[in-house]
């Protein structure tokens, strides 16, 4: 990898982000945001206002796998992970930063891919954001358990 490519990898990255929803149809948008609270991970980018976490010298396994998932690497683990989220499986939810549904099952889960980059000093002062993110696409369409 050329030095310029390495530097670019350090400045930006693609990452998956999931949301759950408890009621109604699979999804709807309001003018300001997509409804449903996000599933946040302990170490990977998520909320652009949240300060980047440091877990050196180790990687958090689930966060690491989500990064590779956004790059296109999936050996089937993600389907099992989504199923466990839909079942509100306690051991799985403990791997996350917090459970947005307080132990209740979501009706729908979906995942999107965002490209994250660090905010410049000027952007950080103006907006308070640590990350600037741009939506890249849908990783998983709204999915639920059959009832």
Protein backbone atom coordinates (compact mmCIF):
# COMPACT_ATOMS: atom_id res chain seq x y z
CA UNK A 1 0.00 0.00 0.00
CA UNK A 2 1.38 3.40 -0.98
CA UNK A 3 1.91 6.01 1.78
CA UNK A 4 -0.91 8.16 0.34
CA UNK A 5 -3.32 5.19 0.47
CA UNK A 6 -2.33 4.40 4.07
CA UNK A 7 -2.98 8.00 5.08
CA UNK A 8 -6.40 7.91 3.39
CA UNK A 9 -7.30 4.73 5.32
CA UNK A 10 -6.51 6.52 8.57
CA UNK A 11 -8.65 9.52 7.67
CA UNK A 12 -11.85 7.80 6.58
CA UNK A 13 -13.58 4.44 6.81
CA UNK A 14 -16.83 2.73 5.93
CA UNK A 15 -18.82 1.27 8.81
CA UNK A 16 -22.17 -0.42 9.23
CA UNK A 17 -24.82 1.15 11.47
CA UNK A 18 -28.00 -0.57 12.61
CA UNK A 19 -31.35 0.70 13.86
CA UNK A 20 -34.31 -1.03 15.39
CA UNK A 21 -37.98 -0.15 15.38
CA UNK A 22 -40.76 -1.41 17.66
CA UNK A 23 -44.03 -0.45 15.92
CA UNK A 24 -45.84 -0.18 12.61
CA UNK A 25 -44.57 -0.92 9.13
CA UNK A 26 -40.95 -1.64 8.36
CA UNK A 27 -39.75 1.98 8.16
CA UNK A 28 -40.68 5.58 7.70
CA UNK A 29 -38.73 8.83 7.53
CA UNK A 30 -39.49 12.03 9.33
CA UNK A 31 -38.12 15.30 8.03
CA UNK A 32 -35.24 15.27 10.48
CA UNK A 33 -34.30 11.61 10.94
CA UNK A 34 -35.22 8.01 10.40
CA UNK A 35 -37.37 6.73 13.24
CA UNK A 36 -36.05 4.06 15.56
CA UNK A 37 -33.12 4.25 17.97
CA UNK A 38 -29.67 3.17 16.78
CA UNK A 39 -27.72 0.18 18.00
CA UNK A 40 -24.39 1.67 19.06
CA UNK A 41 -21.15 -0.22 19.37
CA UNK A 42 -18.51 0.32 22.03
CA UNK A 43 -15.58 1.25 19.82
CA UNK A 44 -16.61 1.96 16.25
CA UNK A 45 -17.95 5.25 14.90
CA UNK A 46 -21.66 5.78 15.36
CA UNK A 47 -23.10 9.01 16.71
CA UNK A 48 -21.05 11.79 15.02
CA UNK A 49 -21.09 13.78 18.29
CA UNK A 50 -19.54 10.96 20.32
CA UNK A 51 -15.82 11.18 20.91
CA UNK A 52 -13.82 8.34 19.32
CA UNK A 53 -13.07 5.59 21.82
CA UNK A 54 -9.65 4.04 22.35
CA UNK A 55 -9.26 0.32 23.10
CA UNK A 56 -5.57 -0.20 22.35
CA UNK A 57 -3.79 -2.55 22.12
CA UNK A 58 -6.88 -4.73 21.56
CA UNK A 59 -9.78 -4.64 19.13
CA UNK A 60 -13.36 -5.23 20.14
CA UNK A 61 -14.28 -8.29 18.10
CA UNK A 62 -17.83 -7.30 17.12
CA UNK A 63 -16.79 -3.75 16.19
CA UNK A 64 -13.94 -5.17 14.10
CA UNK A 65 -16.29 -7.57 12.31
CA UNK A 66 -18.74 -4.74 11.55
CA UNK A 67 -15.94 -2.78 9.91
CA UNK A 68 -15.09 -5.71 7.64
CA UNK A 69 -18.79 -6.28 6.95
CA UNK A 70 -18.98 -2.76 5.49
CA UNK A 71 -16.07 -3.71 3.23
CA UNK A 72 -18.04 -6.68 1.90
CA UNK A 73 -16.72 -9.55 4.07
CA UNK A 74 -19.51 -11.71 5.56
CA UNK A 75 -19.27 -15.40 6.25
CA UNK A 76 -22.82 -15.67 7.62
CA UNK A 77 -22.25 -14.34 11.14
CA UNK A 78 -24.21 -11.15 10.46
CA UNK A 79 -27.51 -12.99 9.83
CA UNK A 80 -27.14 -14.74 13.19
CA UNK A 81 -26.29 -11.42 14.87
CA UNK A 82 -29.44 -9.76 13.45
CA UNK A 83 -31.55 -12.74 14.55
CA UNK A 84 -30.17 -12.35 18.10
CA UNK A 85 -31.00 -8.62 18.04
CA UNK A 86 -34.57 -9.43 16.96
CA UNK A 87 -34.84 -11.95 19.81
CA UNK A 88 -33.40 -9.40 22.29
CA UNK A 89 -30.78 -11.97 23.29
CA UNK A 90 -29.11 -10.66 26.48
CA UNK A 91 -25.57 -11.98 25.84
CA UNK A 92 -25.62 -10.41 22.36
CA UNK A 93 -26.97 -7.09 23.66
CA UNK A 94 -24.15 -6.94 26.23
CA UNK A 95 -21.68 -6.71 23.33
CA UNK A 96 -23.22 -3.35 22.39
CA UNK A 97 -22.69 0.03 24.02
CA UNK A 98 -26.29 -0.03 25.27
CA UNK A 99 -29.62 -1.71 24.48
CA UNK A 100 -31.89 0.92 22.90
CA UNK A 101 -35.00 -1.13 23.72
CA UNK A 102 -34.28 -1.96 27.38
CA UNK A 103 -34.61 -5.72 26.90
CA UNK A 104 -37.70 -5.55 24.67
CA UNK A 105 -37.70 -7.10 21.21
CA UNK A 106 -37.60 -4.75 18.23
CA UNK A 107 -40.06 -5.51 15.46
CA UNK A 108 -37.67 -4.49 12.69
CA UNK A 109 -33.91 -4.12 12.30
CA UNK A 110 -32.01 -2.65 9.38
CA UNK A 111 -28.41 -1.69 8.70
CA UNK A 112 -26.88 0.98 6.52
CA UNK A 113 -23.28 1.73 5.54
CA UNK A 114 -21.79 5.14 6.21
CA UNK A 115 -18.42 6.58 5.29
CA UNK A 116 -16.92 8.28 8.33
CA UNK A 117 -14.08 10.76 8.43
CA UNK A 118 -12.69 12.85 11.24
CA UNK A 119 -14.05 16.38 11.39
CA UNK A 120 -11.54 19.14 10.78
CA UNK A 121 -10.82 21.54 13.62
CA UNK A 122 -13.01 24.17 11.97
CA UNK A 123 -15.90 21.68 11.52
CA UNK A 124 -15.52 20.52 15.12
CA UNK A 125 -15.65 24.09 16.46
CA UNK A 126 -18.63 25.01 14.26
CA UNK A 127 -20.75 21.87 14.74
CA UNK A 128 -19.44 19.98 17.76
CA UNK A 129 -19.10 16.83 15.61
CA UNK A 130 -16.15 14.47 15.95
CA UNK A 131 -17.10 12.54 12.80
CA UNK A 132 -18.52 13.63 9.47
CA UNK A 133 -20.51 10.84 7.89
CA UNK A 134 -22.04 10.25 4.50
CA UNK A 135 -24.54 7.48 3.76
CA UNK A 136 -23.14 4.97 1.26
CA UNK A 137 -26.00 2.49 0.97
CA UNK A 138 -28.16 -0.17 2.53
CA UNK A 139 -26.47 -3.14 4.14
CA UNK A 140 -29.63 -4.92 5.34
CA UNK A 141 -33.20 -3.93 4.39
CA UNK A 142 -35.78 -3.80 7.20
CA UNK A 143 -35.98 -7.35 8.54
CA UNK A 144 -38.14 -8.89 11.25
CA UNK A 145 -39.13 -12.22 12.73
CA UNK A 146 -42.16 -14.02 11.36
CA UNK A 147 -44.94 -13.98 13.91
